[in-house]
Amino acid sequence: MQIQRFSPKGFTLVEIMIVVAIIGLLATIAIPNFLRARTTSQQNTCINNLRQIDGAIQQWALENKAGPSNAVTVDDIQGYLGRSTTAIKVLACPAATASGTNFSSSYEINTVQDAPICRIGGAYTIQPHLLH
């Protein structure tokens, strides 16, 4: 008489539960870091946009002999941003959630001496988008 030995061909329920628990633990660690990285990336992109806008304002002011209190419009600086007329209108803060966000709803420019301001991630958010 031969004795047949039982050889399992799959995973037990306990093994599967341990694997699921480990994956869940890794996800709880990783997801906040991904969200933080996304927010930081949006903030850095917006600050770089503000830097480009400020550079365009200063270049416009130099070429047109504008004083510090002269008002600046989007039409004045669009040629200095290296973008076409339509591209400047769609330049927006990446943190904007609305699909129709454009330059005028994202950024505010006033005079030559005033730094441009981000309306989306301004001083009232946790990580403000400020040009220093």
N, C-alpha and C. Protein backbone atom coordinates (compact mmCIF):
# COMPACT_ATOMS: atom_id res chain seq x y z
N MET A 1 0.81 -1.16 0.00
CA MET A 1 0.00 0.00 0.00
C MET A 1 0.87 1.25 0.00
N GLN A 2 0.56 2.16 -0.91
CA GLN A 2 1.32 3.39 -1.00
C GLN A 2 0.55 4.54 -0.38
N ILE A 3 1.26 5.39 0.32
CA ILE A 3 0.65 6.55 0.95
C ILE A 3 0.85 7.75 0.02
N GLN A 4 -0.23 8.39 -0.31
CA GLN A 4 -0.13 9.57 -1.15
C GLN A 4 0.13 10.80 -0.28
N ARG A 5 1.08 11.55 -0.73
CA ARG A 5 1.42 12.78 0.02
C ARG A 5 0.72 13.96 -0.62
N PHE A 6 0.25 14.83 0.25
CA PHE A 6 -0.44 16.03 -0.21
C PHE A 6 0.59 17.10 -0.53
N SER A 7 0.62 17.57 -1.77
CA SER A 7 1.53 18.66 -2.14
C SER A 7 0.68 19.84 -2.62
N PRO A 8 0.67 20.92 -1.84
CA PRO A 8 -0.16 22.07 -2.22
C PRO A 8 0.39 22.74 -3.48
N LYS A 9 -0.50 23.15 -4.34
CA LYS A 9 -0.12 23.77 -5.61
C LYS A 9 -0.42 25.27 -5.63
N GLY A 10 -0.79 25.87 -4.54
CA GLY A 10 -1.14 27.29 -4.52
C GLY A 10 -0.74 27.93 -3.21
N PHE A 11 -1.21 29.13 -3.03
CA PHE A 11 -0.92 29.88 -1.81
C PHE A 11 -2.07 29.71 -0.83
N THR A 12 -1.74 29.76 0.42
CA THR A 12 -2.79 29.68 1.44
C THR A 12 -3.38 31.07 1.64
N LEU A 13 -4.50 31.12 2.28
CA LEU A 13 -5.18 32.37 2.53
C LEU A 13 -4.32 33.29 3.41
N VAL A 14 -3.63 32.74 4.36
CA VAL A 14 -2.78 33.53 5.25
C VAL A 14 -1.65 34.18 4.46
N GLU A 15 -1.04 33.45 3.55
CA GLU A 15 0.05 34.01 2.74
C GLU A 15 -0.45 35.16 1.87
N ILE A 16 -1.62 35.00 1.27
CA ILE A 16 -2.19 36.06 0.44
C ILE A 16 -2.51 37.27 1.29
N MET A 17 -3.05 37.08 2.49
CA MET A 17 -3.38 38.20 3.37
C MET A 17 -2.12 38.96 3.80
N ILE A 18 -1.03 38.24 4.03
CA ILE A 18 0.22 38.90 4.41
C ILE A 18 0.73 39.76 3.26
N VAL A 19 0.68 39.25 2.03
CA VAL A 19 1.12 40.01 0.87
C VAL A 19 0.26 41.26 0.68
N VAL A 20 -1.05 41.13 0.83
CA VAL A 20 -1.95 42.28 0.69
C VAL A 20 -1.67 43.31 1.78
N ALA A 21 -1.40 42.86 2.99
CA ALA A 21 -1.09 43.78 4.08
C ALA A 21 0.20 44.53 3.81
N ILE A 22 1.20 43.87 3.28
CA ILE A 22 2.48 44.52 2.97
C ILE A 22 2.28 45.56 1.86
N ILE A 23 1.52 45.22 0.82
CA ILE A 23 1.25 46.17 -0.26
C ILE A 23 0.48 47.38 0.27
N GLY A 24 -0.48 47.15 1.14
CA GLY A 24 -1.23 48.25 1.74
C GLY A 24 -0.34 49.16 2.57
N LEU A 25 0.58 48.58 3.32
CA LEU A 25 1.51 49.36 4.13
C LEU A 25 2.43 50.21 3.25
N LEU A 26 2.93 49.63 2.18
CA LEU A 26 3.77 50.39 1.25
C LEU A 26 2.99 51.52 0.58
N ALA A 27 1.73 51.26 0.25
CA ALA A 27 0.90 52.30 -0.37
C ALA A 27 0.65 53.46 0.58
N THR A 28 0.43 53.18 1.85
CA THR A 28 0.19 54.26 2.82
C THR A 28 1.44 55.11 3.03
N ILE A 29 2.59 54.52 2.79
CA ILE A 29 3.83 55.29 2.91
C ILE A 29 4.09 56.09 1.64
N ALA A 30 3.82 55.50 0.47
CA ALA A 30 4.20 56.10 -0.81
C ALA A 30 3.25 57.19 -1.29
N ILE A 31 1.95 57.03 -1.12
CA ILE A 31 0.98 57.96 -1.70
C ILE A 31 1.15 59.39 -1.18
N PRO A 32 1.31 59.63 0.11
CA PRO A 32 1.53 61.02 0.55
C PRO A 32 2.80 61.64 -0.06
N ASN A 33 3.83 60.82 -0.23
CA ASN A 33 5.06 61.34 -0.84
C ASN A 33 4.84 61.71 -2.29
N PHE A 34 4.04 60.94 -3.02
CA PHE A 34 3.74 61.27 -4.41
C PHE A 34 2.94 62.57 -4.49
N LEU A 35 1.97 62.74 -3.59
CA LEU A 35 1.17 63.96 -3.59
C LEU A 35 2.02 65.18 -3.23
N ARG A 36 2.92 65.01 -2.27
CA ARG A 36 3.80 66.10 -1.88
C ARG A 36 4.74 66.47 -3.03
N ALA A 37 5.24 65.47 -3.74
CA ALA A 37 6.13 65.73 -4.88
C ALA A 37 5.38 66.45 -5.99
N ARG A 38 4.12 66.09 -6.21
CA ARG A 38 3.32 66.75 -7.23
C ARG A 38 3.08 68.22 -6.87
N THR A 39 2.75 68.48 -5.62
CA THR A 39 2.52 69.85 -5.16
C THR A 39 3.79 70.69 -5.27
N THR A 40 4.92 70.12 -4.88
CA THR A 40 6.20 70.83 -4.97
C THR A 40 6.56 71.12 -6.42
N SER A 41 6.30 70.17 -7.29
CA SER A 41 6.59 70.36 -8.71
C SER A 41 5.72 71.48 -9.30
N GLN A 42 4.45 71.50 -8.94
CA GLN A 42 3.56 72.57 -9.41
C GLN A 42 4.03 73.92 -8.89
N GLN A 43 4.44 73.96 -7.63
CA GLN A 43 4.92 75.21 -7.05
C GLN A 43 6.18 75.70 -7.77
N ASN A 44 7.12 74.80 -8.03
CA ASN A 44 8.36 75.18 -8.71
C ASN A 44 8.09 75.66 -10.13
N THR A 45 7.18 75.00 -10.83
CA THR A 45 6.84 75.41 -12.19
C THR A 45 6.20 76.80 -12.18
N CYS A 46 5.32 77.05 -11.24
CA CYS A 46 4.66 78.36 -11.15
C CYS A 46 5.68 79.45 -10.82
N ILE A 47 6.60 79.18 -9.91
CA ILE A 47 7.61 80.18 -9.56
C ILE A 47 8.51 80.46 -10.77
N ASN A 48 8.82 79.43 -11.56
CA ASN A 48 9.60 79.65 -12.77
C ASN A 48 8.81 80.49 -13.78
N ASN A 49 7.49 80.25 -13.88
CA ASN A 49 6.66 81.09 -14.74
C ASN A 49 6.70 82.55 -14.27
N LEU A 50 6.60 82.75 -12.95
CA LEU A 50 6.66 84.10 -12.40
C LEU A 50 8.01 84.76 -12.70
N ARG A 51 9.08 83.97 -12.62
CA ARG A 51 10.41 84.49 -12.92
C ARG A 51 10.51 84.92 -14.39
N GLN A 52 9.95 84.12 -15.30
CA GLN A 52 9.97 84.47 -16.72
C GLN A 52 9.13 85.72 -16.98
N ILE A 53 7.98 85.80 -16.33
CA ILE A 53 7.11 86.97 -16.50
C ILE A 53 7.82 88.22 -16.00
N ASP A 54 8.48 88.13 -14.83
CA ASP A 54 9.19 89.28 -14.28
C ASP A 54 10.34 89.68 -15.19
N GLY A 55 11.06 88.70 -15.73
CA GLY A 55 12.14 89.00 -16.67
C GLY A 55 11.63 89.70 -17.92
N ALA A 56 10.47 89.25 -18.42
CA ALA A 56 9.87 89.90 -19.59
C ALA A 56 9.46 91.33 -19.28
N ILE A 57 8.92 91.55 -18.08
CA ILE A 57 8.53 92.91 -17.68
C ILE A 57 9.75 93.81 -17.62
N GLN A 58 10.83 93.32 -17.02
CA GLN A 58 12.03 94.14 -16.88
C GLN A 58 12.66 94.43 -18.25
N GLN A 59 12.65 93.45 -19.13
CA GLN A 59 13.20 93.66 -20.46
C GLN A 59 12.35 94.67 -21.24
N TRP A 60 11.03 94.54 -21.13
CA TRP A 60 10.13 95.50 -21.78
C TRP A 60 10.39 96.91 -21.25
N ALA A 61 10.57 97.02 -19.93
CA ALA A 61 10.79 98.33 -19.32
C ALA A 61 12.10 98.95 -19.80
N LEU A 62 13.13 98.14 -19.92
CA LEU A 62 14.42 98.66 -20.41
C LEU A 62 14.33 99.13 -21.84
N GLU A 63 13.70 98.33 -22.69
CA GLU A 63 13.63 98.67 -24.10
C GLU A 63 12.69 99.85 -24.38
N ASN A 64 11.70 100.04 -23.53
CA ASN A 64 10.75 101.13 -23.75
C ASN A 64 10.96 102.30 -22.80
N LYS A 65 12.05 102.27 -22.04
CA LYS A 65 12.40 103.34 -21.10
C LYS A 65 11.25 103.66 -20.16
N ALA A 66 10.63 102.59 -19.66
CA ALA A 66 9.50 102.75 -18.74
C ALA A 66 10.02 102.89 -17.31
N GLY A 67 9.37 103.73 -16.55
CA GLY A 67 9.74 103.94 -15.16
C GLY A 67 9.17 102.86 -14.26
N PRO A 68 9.60 102.85 -13.01
CA PRO A 68 9.13 101.82 -12.08
C PRO A 68 7.63 101.84 -11.83
N SER A 69 7.00 102.97 -11.99
CA SER A 69 5.57 103.06 -11.70
C SER A 69 4.70 102.89 -12.95
N ASN A 70 5.31 102.63 -14.09
CA ASN A 70 4.53 102.43 -15.32
C ASN A 70 3.74 101.12 -15.24
N ALA A 71 2.50 101.18 -15.70
CA ALA A 71 1.65 99.98 -15.72
C ALA A 71 2.08 99.07 -16.88
N VAL A 72 1.95 97.77 -16.64
CA VAL A 72 2.33 96.76 -17.64
C VAL A 72 1.11 95.90 -17.95
N THR A 73 0.91 95.60 -19.22
CA THR A 73 -0.19 94.71 -19.61
C THR A 73 0.39 93.45 -20.25
N VAL A 74 -0.46 92.47 -20.42
CA VAL A 74 -0.06 91.21 -21.04
C VAL A 74 0.38 91.45 -22.47
N ASP A 75 -0.30 92.34 -23.17
CA ASP A 75 0.06 92.64 -24.55
C ASP A 75 1.45 93.26 -24.65
N ASP A 76 1.88 93.98 -23.62
CA ASP A 76 3.21 94.59 -23.63
C ASP A 76 4.32 93.54 -23.58
N ILE A 77 4.12 92.49 -22.80
CA ILE A 77 5.22 91.55 -22.55
C ILE A 77 5.14 90.26 -23.36
N GLN A 78 4.08 90.07 -24.12
CA GLN A 78 3.93 88.78 -24.80
C GLN A 78 5.08 88.48 -25.76
N GLY A 79 5.65 89.48 -26.41
CA GLY A 79 6.76 89.25 -27.31
C GLY A 79 8.05 88.90 -26.60
N TYR A 80 8.15 89.24 -25.33
CA TYR A 80 9.36 88.98 -24.55
C TYR A 80 9.34 87.62 -23.87
N LEU A 81 8.22 86.96 -23.89
CA LEU A 81 8.12 85.64 -23.27
C LEU A 81 8.46 84.52 -24.24
N GLY A 82 8.69 84.86 -25.49
CA GLY A 82 9.04 83.83 -26.47
C GLY A 82 7.87 82.94 -26.82
N ARG A 83 6.68 83.45 -26.68
CA ARG A 83 5.48 82.69 -27.00
C ARG A 83 4.63 83.49 -27.97
N SER A 84 3.80 82.78 -28.68
CA SER A 84 2.89 83.46 -29.60
C SER A 84 1.76 84.12 -28.81
N THR A 85 0.95 84.89 -29.50
CA THR A 85 -0.17 85.58 -28.85
C THR A 85 -1.11 84.60 -28.18
N THR A 86 -1.41 83.49 -28.85
CA THR A 86 -2.33 82.52 -28.25
C THR A 86 -1.68 81.74 -27.13
N ALA A 87 -0.37 81.51 -27.21
CA ALA A 87 0.31 80.73 -26.17
C ALA A 87 0.38 81.49 -24.86
N ILE A 88 0.56 82.81 -24.91
CA ILE A 88 0.61 83.60 -23.68
C ILE A 88 -0.74 83.60 -22.99
N LYS A 89 -1.81 83.54 -23.74
CA LYS A 89 -3.15 83.55 -23.14
C LYS A 89 -3.44 82.27 -22.37
N VAL A 90 -2.79 81.16 -22.76
CA VAL A 90 -3.04 79.90 -22.07
C VAL A 90 -1.98 79.58 -21.02
N LEU A 91 -0.95 80.43 -20.88
CA LEU A 91 0.05 80.25 -19.83
C LEU A 91 -0.66 80.39 -18.49
N ALA A 92 -0.62 79.33 -17.70
CA ALA A 92 -1.37 79.34 -16.44
C ALA A 92 -0.59 78.62 -15.36
N CYS A 93 -0.98 78.87 -14.14
CA CYS A 93 -0.40 78.18 -12.99
C CYS A 93 -0.79 76.70 -13.08
N PRO A 94 0.18 75.78 -12.94
CA PRO A 94 -0.14 74.36 -13.04
C PRO A 94 -0.98 73.84 -11.87
N ALA A 95 -1.08 74.59 -10.80
CA ALA A 95 -1.89 74.17 -9.66
C ALA A 95 -3.37 74.48 -9.85
N ALA A 96 -3.71 75.14 -10.94
CA ALA A 96 -5.11 75.48 -11.21
C ALA A 96 -5.90 74.22 -11.49
N THR A 97 -7.07 74.12 -10.90
CA THR A 97 -7.90 72.94 -11.09
C THR A 97 -8.91 73.10 -12.20
N ALA A 98 -9.26 74.32 -12.53
CA ALA A 98 -10.25 74.57 -13.57
C ALA A 98 -9.62 74.39 -14.95
N SER A 99 -10.35 73.82 -15.87
CA SER A 99 -9.81 73.56 -17.20
C SER A 99 -9.69 74.83 -18.03
N GLY A 100 -10.47 75.84 -17.75
CA GLY A 100 -10.44 77.07 -18.53
C GLY A 100 -9.51 78.13 -17.97
N THR A 101 -8.55 77.73 -17.15
CA THR A 101 -7.65 78.69 -16.53
C THR A 101 -6.69 79.24 -17.56
N ASN A 102 -6.48 80.55 -17.55
CA ASN A 102 -5.57 81.19 -18.50
C ASN A 102 -4.66 82.16 -17.75
N PHE A 103 -3.91 82.96 -18.51
CA PHE A 103 -2.95 83.88 -17.91
C PHE A 103 -3.61 84.86 -16.95
N SER A 104 -4.69 85.48 -17.39
CA SER A 104 -5.30 86.53 -16.56
C SER A 104 -5.96 85.98 -15.30
N SER A 105 -6.38 84.72 -15.32
CA SER A 105 -6.96 84.15 -14.10
C SER A 105 -5.89 83.53 -13.20
N SER A 106 -4.67 83.34 -13.71
CA SER A 106 -3.60 82.76 -12.92
C SER A 106 -2.64 83.80 -12.35
N TYR A 107 -2.28 84.76 -13.18
CA TYR A 107 -1.23 85.71 -12.80
C TYR A 107 -1.73 87.15 -12.84
N GLU A 108 -1.15 87.96 -11.97
CA GLU A 108 -1.50 89.37 -11.90
C GLU A 108 -0.23 90.19 -12.06
N ILE A 109 -0.25 91.09 -13.02
CA ILE A 109 0.88 92.00 -13.21
C ILE A 109 0.34 93.43 -13.09
N ASN A 110 1.11 94.27 -12.41
CA ASN A 110 0.66 95.64 -12.17
C ASN A 110 1.61 96.65 -12.78
N THR A 111 2.70 96.91 -12.09
CA THR A 111 3.67 97.91 -12.57
C THR A 111 5.03 97.24 -12.74
N VAL A 112 5.96 98.01 -13.26
CA VAL A 112 7.30 97.48 -13.50
C VAL A 112 7.98 97.09 -12.19
N GLN A 113 7.79 97.87 -11.15
CA GLN A 113 8.49 97.59 -9.89
C GLN A 113 7.83 96.47 -9.08
N ASP A 114 6.57 96.17 -9.32
CA ASP A 114 5.88 95.12 -8.57
C ASP A 114 6.14 93.75 -9.20
N ALA A 115 6.46 92.78 -8.36
CA ALA A 115 6.67 91.42 -8.84
C ALA A 115 5.32 90.83 -9.25
N PRO A 116 5.31 89.99 -10.28
CA PRO A 116 4.05 89.34 -10.65
C PRO A 116 3.56 88.43 -9.53
N ILE A 117 2.25 88.25 -9.46
CA ILE A 117 1.64 87.49 -8.38
C ILE A 117 0.84 86.33 -8.97
N CYS A 118 0.94 85.17 -8.31
CA CYS A 118 0.10 84.02 -8.69
C CYS A 118 -1.20 84.10 -7.91
N ARG A 119 -2.31 84.12 -8.63
CA ARG A 119 -3.62 84.19 -7.97
C ARG A 119 -4.06 82.83 -7.45
N ILE A 120 -3.57 81.76 -8.03
CA ILE A 120 -3.99 80.40 -7.65
C ILE A 120 -3.28 79.97 -6.37
N GLY A 121 -1.97 80.02 -6.36
CA GLY A 121 -1.19 79.58 -5.20
C GLY A 121 -0.54 80.75 -4.51
N GLY A 122 -1.33 81.74 -4.18
CA GLY A 122 -0.81 82.96 -3.57
C GLY A 122 -0.39 82.76 -2.14
N ALA A 123 -0.28 83.83 -1.42
CA ALA A 123 0.26 83.82 -0.05
C ALA A 123 -0.66 83.11 0.94
N TYR A 124 -1.88 82.78 0.56
CA TYR A 124 -2.82 82.20 1.51
C TYR A 124 -2.84 80.68 1.49
N THR A 125 -2.04 80.04 0.64
CA THR A 125 -1.99 78.59 0.59
C THR A 125 -0.88 78.09 1.49
N ILE A 126 -0.82 76.77 1.67
CA ILE A 126 0.19 76.18 2.55
C ILE A 126 1.59 76.40 1.98
N GLN A 127 1.75 76.15 0.68
CA GLN A 127 3.01 76.41 0.00
C GLN A 127 2.78 77.50 -1.03
N PRO A 128 3.01 78.76 -0.66
CA PRO A 128 2.69 79.85 -1.59
C PRO A 128 3.62 79.87 -2.80
N HIS A 129 3.09 80.32 -3.92
CA HIS A 129 3.85 80.50 -5.14
C HIS A 129 4.29 81.96 -5.17
N LEU A 130 5.41 82.25 -4.57
CA LEU A 130 5.88 83.63 -4.48
C LEU A 130 7.24 83.77 -5.13
N LEU A 131 7.41 84.83 -5.89
CA LEU A 131 8.69 85.15 -6.49
C LEU A 131 9.46 86.02 -5.52
N HIS A 132 10.59 85.54 -5.07
CA HIS A 132 11.39 86.29 -4.08
C HIS A 132 12.50 87.05 -4.75
